[in-house]
Amino acid sequence: MKVFNIVFVVLFIIFAGLQYNDPDPYIWVPIYLYSAWFCFKASRKQFYPVWYAVGIFIYLAYATYKIFDANGLIDWFTKHHSESLVESMKAEKPWIEETREFFGLLICVAVLGINWVYGNRLKRKA
């Protein structure tokens, strides 16, 4: 788990850094740094289940919004026939940007969820 968390600390910091040219970096930099911080703490065997739950709840709520947004996941899937998300890193099409953001949120939820489960298992063993 230590290696898992260190890898995600690095990835989330990179993700946060790549937001400098995003139209809304004030939203995405904190999202990725929040996840990076709790991965860093987990790599040191410090687990915060309540804060994982808060992050997961907020990220899932935002992901749900991204599903139904005018240029969101449903729009990408139905109107644009699941157009490739990785052809170009320039998000010139809003449905590509919104869908990428949705999947970014899911990555954060998955990582926080894994740490939540792992932290709770360690707590029960102790």
Protein backbone atom coordinates (compact mmCIF):
# COMPACT_ATOMS: atom_id res chain seq x y z
CA MET A 1 0.00 0.00 0.00
CA LYS A 2 2.93 2.33 0.60
CA VAL A 3 4.05 2.08 -3.04
CA PHE A 4 0.43 2.42 -4.23
CA ASN A 5 0.01 5.65 -2.29
CA ILE A 6 3.37 7.12 -3.25
CA VAL A 7 2.58 6.47 -6.92
CA PHE A 8 -0.75 8.28 -6.53
CA VAL A 9 0.81 11.17 -4.62
CA VAL A 10 3.09 11.74 -7.61
CA LEU A 11 0.29 11.27 -10.15
CA PHE A 12 -2.13 13.58 -8.35
CA ILE A 13 0.51 16.29 -8.03
CA ILE A 14 1.21 15.96 -11.76
CA PHE A 15 -2.54 16.10 -12.48
CA ALA A 16 -2.83 19.25 -10.34
CA GLY A 17 0.12 20.84 -12.16
CA LEU A 18 -1.43 20.12 -15.54
CA GLN A 19 -4.47 22.17 -14.57
CA TYR A 20 -2.63 25.48 -15.04
CA ASN A 21 -4.15 25.95 -18.49
CA ASP A 22 -7.57 24.60 -17.56
CA PRO A 23 -10.52 27.02 -17.64
CA ASP A 24 -11.27 26.20 -14.00
CA PRO A 25 -7.99 25.37 -12.20
CA TYR A 26 -9.40 26.78 -8.94
CA ILE A 27 -11.66 23.69 -8.83
CA TRP A 28 -9.31 21.01 -10.13
CA VAL A 29 -6.06 21.86 -8.37
CA PRO A 30 -7.69 21.48 -4.91
CA ILE A 31 -9.45 18.28 -5.99
CA TYR A 32 -6.19 16.62 -7.00
CA LEU A 33 -4.15 18.05 -4.11
CA TYR A 34 -6.76 16.83 -1.59
CA SER A 35 -6.36 13.32 -2.96
CA ALA A 36 -2.57 13.67 -3.06
CA TRP A 37 -2.46 14.82 0.57
CA PHE A 38 -4.46 11.88 1.86
CA CYS A 39 -2.41 9.44 -0.22
CA PHE A 40 0.71 10.98 1.32
CA LYS A 41 -0.74 10.53 4.81
CA ALA A 42 -1.76 6.94 3.99
CA SER A 43 1.77 6.19 2.77
CA ARG A 44 2.83 7.05 6.34
CA LYS A 45 0.12 4.75 7.76
CA GLN A 46 -2.04 7.68 8.85
CA PHE A 47 -5.64 7.09 7.80
CA TYR A 48 -8.55 9.52 8.04
CA PRO A 49 -11.77 7.64 7.20
CA VAL A 50 -14.04 10.63 7.85
CA TRP A 51 -12.06 12.81 5.44
CA TYR A 52 -12.03 10.03 2.84
CA ALA A 53 -15.82 9.86 3.14
CA VAL A 54 -16.11 13.65 2.75
CA GLY A 55 -13.94 13.60 -0.38
CA ILE A 56 -15.75 10.59 -1.83
CA PHE A 57 -19.15 12.19 -1.21
CA ILE A 58 -18.18 15.51 -2.79
CA TYR A 59 -16.41 13.87 -5.74
CA LEU A 60 -19.35 11.53 -6.40
CA ALA A 61 -21.79 14.43 -6.25
CA TYR A 62 -19.67 16.39 -8.73
CA ALA A 63 -19.26 13.30 -10.93
CA THR A 64 -23.05 12.89 -10.98
CA TYR A 65 -23.33 16.49 -12.15
CA LYS A 66 -20.74 15.73 -14.86
CA ILE A 67 -22.87 12.82 -16.08
CA PHE A 68 -25.94 14.98 -16.71
CA ASP A 69 -24.24 18.26 -17.64
CA ALA A 70 -25.12 19.65 -21.08
CA ASN A 71 -21.68 18.59 -22.37
CA GLY A 72 -21.21 15.75 -19.93
CA LEU A 73 -20.82 12.01 -20.08
CA ILE A 74 -24.26 11.26 -21.53
CA ASP A 75 -23.74 13.88 -24.25
CA TRP A 76 -20.32 12.42 -25.11
CA PHE A 77 -21.74 8.91 -25.22
CA THR A 78 -24.97 9.57 -27.16
CA LYS A 79 -24.40 12.59 -29.38
CA HIS A 80 -20.69 12.13 -30.04
CA HIS A 81 -20.59 8.32 -30.13
CA SER A 82 -17.93 7.91 -27.44
CA GLU A 83 -15.38 9.92 -29.40
CA SER A 84 -11.79 9.20 -28.34
CA LEU A 85 -10.74 11.06 -25.20
CA VAL A 86 -7.02 10.77 -25.90
CA GLU A 87 -6.57 11.86 -29.51
CA SER A 88 -5.39 15.31 -28.53
CA MET A 89 -4.62 16.77 -25.15
CA LYS A 90 -6.17 20.05 -26.27
CA ALA A 91 -9.72 19.95 -25.03
CA GLU A 92 -11.24 21.92 -27.85
CA LYS A 93 -14.54 20.10 -27.54
CA PRO A 94 -16.41 20.70 -24.27
CA TRP A 95 -17.81 17.16 -24.08
CA ILE A 96 -14.24 15.78 -24.15
CA GLU A 97 -13.17 18.08 -21.29
CA GLU A 98 -16.24 17.26 -19.19
CA THR A 99 -15.85 13.51 -19.75
CA ARG A 100 -12.16 13.60 -18.84
CA GLU A 101 -13.05 15.49 -15.67
CA PHE A 102 -15.66 12.84 -14.85
CA PHE A 103 -13.07 10.07 -15.13
CA GLY A 104 -10.58 12.12 -13.09
CA LEU A 105 -13.15 12.27 -10.31
CA LEU A 106 -13.67 8.52 -10.51
CA ILE A 107 -9.93 7.95 -10.13
CA CYS A 108 -9.93 10.12 -6.99
CA VAL A 109 -12.97 8.27 -5.61
CA ALA A 110 -11.38 4.88 -6.28
CA VAL A 111 -8.09 5.79 -4.61
CA LEU A 112 -9.75 7.38 -1.58
CA GLY A 113 -12.09 4.38 -1.36
CA ILE A 114 -9.21 1.91 -1.40
CA ASN A 115 -7.47 3.83 1.38
CA TRP A 116 -10.71 4.02 3.35
CA VAL A 117 -11.21 0.24 3.19
CA TYR A 118 -7.55 -0.48 3.93
CA GLY A 119 -7.45 1.97 6.83
CA ASN A 120 -10.59 0.48 8.36
CA ARG A 121 -9.16 -3.05 8.09
CA LEU A 122 -5.98 -1.97 9.86
CA LYS A 123 -8.03 -0.28 12.55
CA ARG A 124 -10.09 -3.45 13.16
CA LYS A 125 -6.94 -5.58 13.43
CA ALA A 126 -5.42 -3.26 16.03
